[in-house]
Amino acid sequence: MDKWNHFKRQLEDLEQTAERFTTLDDLLHRTVYSKADAHRDEFQTLLKSTMDLGDQFSDDTNEWLLIDHRLQSIKENFQFLFPRKKP
């Protein structure tokens, strides 16, 4: 149960971080280097870690389906905010 609580806290942290990045990106003028860009790798790590941790609890219950939807929504928003750079 302790891992479950840790996962839920991490998911909340991820959602708050995603919201802060969205707000920062909207408020800042697009310059060479915005604060959102500066923290992209940190956010990416938190997203991957939370998704990996969540995989341990994937059991197709209604609660998990809601959590999975939240994770996928964050992932989609993250990809929109920080599109991949083409080589």
C-alpha atoms as a PDB file:
ATOM      1  CA  MET A   1       0.000   0.000   0.000  1.00  0.00           C
ATOM      2  CA  ASP A   2       2.930   2.329   0.646  1.00  0.00           C
ATOM      3  CA  LYS A   3       3.990   2.103  -3.021  1.00  0.00           C
ATOM      4  CA  TRP A   4       0.410   2.929  -4.038  1.00  0.00           C
ATOM      5  CA  ASN A   5       0.422   6.093  -1.895  1.00  0.00           C
ATOM      6  CA  HIS A   6       3.822   7.057  -3.293  1.00  0.00           C
ATOM      7  CA  PHE A   7       2.507   6.590  -6.828  1.00  0.00           C
ATOM      8  CA  LYS A   8      -0.581   8.731  -6.155  1.00  0.00           C
ATOM      9  CA  ARG A   9       1.569  11.529  -4.674  1.00  0.00           C
ATOM     10  CA  GLN A  10       3.908  11.358  -7.664  1.00  0.00           C
ATOM     11  CA  LEU A  11       0.944  11.528 -10.052  1.00  0.00           C
ATOM     12  CA  GLU A  12      -0.328  14.643  -8.254  1.00  0.00           C
ATOM     13  CA  ASP A  13       3.148  16.192  -8.464  1.00  0.00           C
ATOM     14  CA  LEU A  14       3.249  15.405 -12.171  1.00  0.00           C
ATOM     15  CA  GLU A  15      -0.159  17.011 -12.754  1.00  0.00           C
ATOM     16  CA  GLN A  16       0.867  20.146 -10.838  1.00  0.00           C
ATOM     17  CA  THR A  17       4.144  20.353 -12.733  1.00  0.00           C
ATOM     18  CA  ALA A  18       2.353  19.959 -16.066  1.00  0.00           C
ATOM     19  CA  GLU A  19      -0.030  22.751 -15.122  1.00  0.00           C
ATOM     20  CA  ARG A  20       2.841  25.045 -14.068  1.00  0.00           C
ATOM     21  CA  PHE A  21       4.616  24.417 -17.373  1.00  0.00           C
ATOM     22  CA  THR A  22       1.454  25.235 -19.304  1.00  0.00           C
ATOM     23  CA  THR A  23       1.036  28.456 -17.334  1.00  0.00           C
ATOM     24  CA  LEU A  24       4.696  29.404 -17.727  1.00  0.00           C
ATOM     25  CA  ASP A  25       4.594  28.752 -21.445  1.00  0.00           C
ATOM     26  CA  ASP A  26       1.476  30.917 -21.852  1.00  0.00           C
ATOM     27  CA  LEU A  27       2.875  33.797 -19.789  1.00  0.00           C
ATOM     28  CA  LEU A  28       6.352  33.970 -21.244  1.00  0.00           C
ATOM     29  CA  HIS A  29       7.203  35.489 -24.556  1.00  0.00           C
ATOM     30  CA  ARG A  30       8.766  32.897 -26.780  1.00  0.00           C
ATOM     31  CA  THR A  31      12.426  33.727 -26.619  1.00  0.00           C
ATOM     32  CA  VAL A  32      15.455  31.659 -27.416  1.00  0.00           C
ATOM     33  CA  TYR A  33      15.128  29.798 -24.117  1.00  0.00           C
ATOM     34  CA  SER A  34      12.000  29.808 -21.943  1.00  0.00           C
ATOM     35  CA  LYS A  35      11.662  28.434 -18.430  1.00  0.00           C
ATOM     36  CA  ALA A  36       9.495  25.628 -19.777  1.00  0.00           C
ATOM     37  CA  ASP A  37      12.312  24.623 -22.122  1.00  0.00           C
ATOM     38  CA  ALA A  38      14.808  24.762 -19.263  1.00  0.00           C
ATOM     39  CA  HIS A  39      12.841  22.183 -17.257  1.00  0.00           C
ATOM     40  CA  ARG A  40      11.808  19.891 -20.100  1.00  0.00           C
ATOM     41  CA  ASP A  41      14.205  17.072 -19.201  1.00  0.00           C
ATOM     42  CA  GLU A  42      13.182  17.159 -15.537  1.00  0.00           C
ATOM     43  CA  PHE A  43       9.520  16.971 -16.518  1.00  0.00           C
ATOM     44  CA  GLN A  44      10.216  14.180 -19.007  1.00  0.00           C
ATOM     45  CA  THR A  45      11.953  12.170 -16.271  1.00  0.00           C
ATOM     46  CA  LEU A  46       9.053  12.687 -13.853  1.00  0.00           C
ATOM     47  CA  LEU A  47       6.549  11.665 -16.540  1.00  0.00           C
ATOM     48  CA  LYS A  48       8.453   8.480 -17.426  1.00  0.00           C
ATOM     49  CA  SER A  49       9.009   7.582 -13.776  1.00  0.00           C
ATOM     50  CA  THR A  50       5.325   8.053 -12.947  1.00  0.00           C
ATOM     51  CA  MET A  51       4.212   5.996 -15.944  1.00  0.00           C
ATOM     52  CA  ASP A  52       6.682   3.215 -15.095  1.00  0.00           C
ATOM     53  CA  LEU A  53       5.537   3.197 -11.472  1.00  0.00           C
ATOM     54  CA  GLY A  54       1.916   3.170 -12.599  1.00  0.00           C
ATOM     55  CA  ASP A  55       2.521   0.048 -14.684  1.00  0.00           C
ATOM     56  CA  GLN A  56       2.909  -1.855 -11.401  1.00  0.00           C
ATOM     57  CA  PHE A  57      -0.708  -1.076 -10.531  1.00  0.00           C
ATOM     58  CA  SER A  58      -2.343  -1.636 -13.905  1.00  0.00           C
ATOM     59  CA  ASP A  59      -5.246  -3.966 -13.073  1.00  0.00           C
ATOM     60  CA  ASP A  60      -8.105  -2.751 -15.330  1.00  0.00           C
ATOM     61  CA  THR A  61     -10.228  -1.585 -12.397  1.00  0.00           C
ATOM     62  CA  ASN A  62     -12.285   1.581 -12.805  1.00  0.00           C
ATOM     63  CA  GLU A  63      -9.863   3.470 -10.547  1.00  0.00           C
ATOM     64  CA  TRP A  64      -6.899   2.394 -12.659  1.00  0.00           C
ATOM     65  CA  LEU A  65      -8.663   3.322 -15.909  1.00  0.00           C
ATOM     66  CA  LEU A  66      -9.225   6.849 -14.558  1.00  0.00           C
ATOM     67  CA  ILE A  67      -5.594   7.122 -13.482  1.00  0.00           C
ATOM     68  CA  ASP A  68      -4.387   5.795 -16.827  1.00  0.00           C
ATOM     69  CA  HIS A  69      -6.548   8.383 -18.581  1.00  0.00           C
ATOM     70  CA  ARG A  70      -4.944  11.131 -16.448  1.00  0.00           C
ATOM     71  CA  LEU A  71      -1.472   9.867 -17.350  1.00  0.00           C
ATOM     72  CA  GLN A  72      -2.265   9.681 -21.063  1.00  0.00           C
ATOM     73  CA  SER A  73      -3.738  13.172 -20.974  1.00  0.00           C
ATOM     74  CA  ILE A  74      -0.577  14.552 -19.370  1.00  0.00           C
ATOM     75  CA  LYS A  75       1.566  12.698 -21.897  1.00  0.00           C
ATOM     76  CA  GLU A  76      -0.440  14.136 -24.800  1.00  0.00           C
ATOM     77  CA  ASN A  77      -0.211  17.656 -23.354  1.00  0.00           C
ATOM     78  CA  PHE A  78       3.503  17.233 -22.800  1.00  0.00           C
ATOM     79  CA  GLN A  79       4.051  16.192 -26.411  1.00  0.00           C
ATOM     80  CA  PHE A  80       2.060  19.222 -27.540  1.00  0.00           C
ATOM     81  CA  LEU A  81       4.060  21.613 -25.354  1.00  0.00           C
ATOM     82  CA  PHE A  82       7.413  20.164 -26.314  1.00  0.00           C
ATOM     83  CA  PRO A  83       7.309  18.728 -29.817  1.00  0.00           C
ATOM     84  CA  ARG A  84      10.202  16.559 -30.872  1.00  0.00           C
ATOM     85  CA  LYS A  85      12.902  18.322 -32.766  1.00  0.00           C
ATOM     86  CA  LYS A  86      13.577  16.890 -36.189  1.00  0.00           C
ATOM     87  CA  PRO A  87      17.176  15.825 -36.829  1.00  0.00           C
END
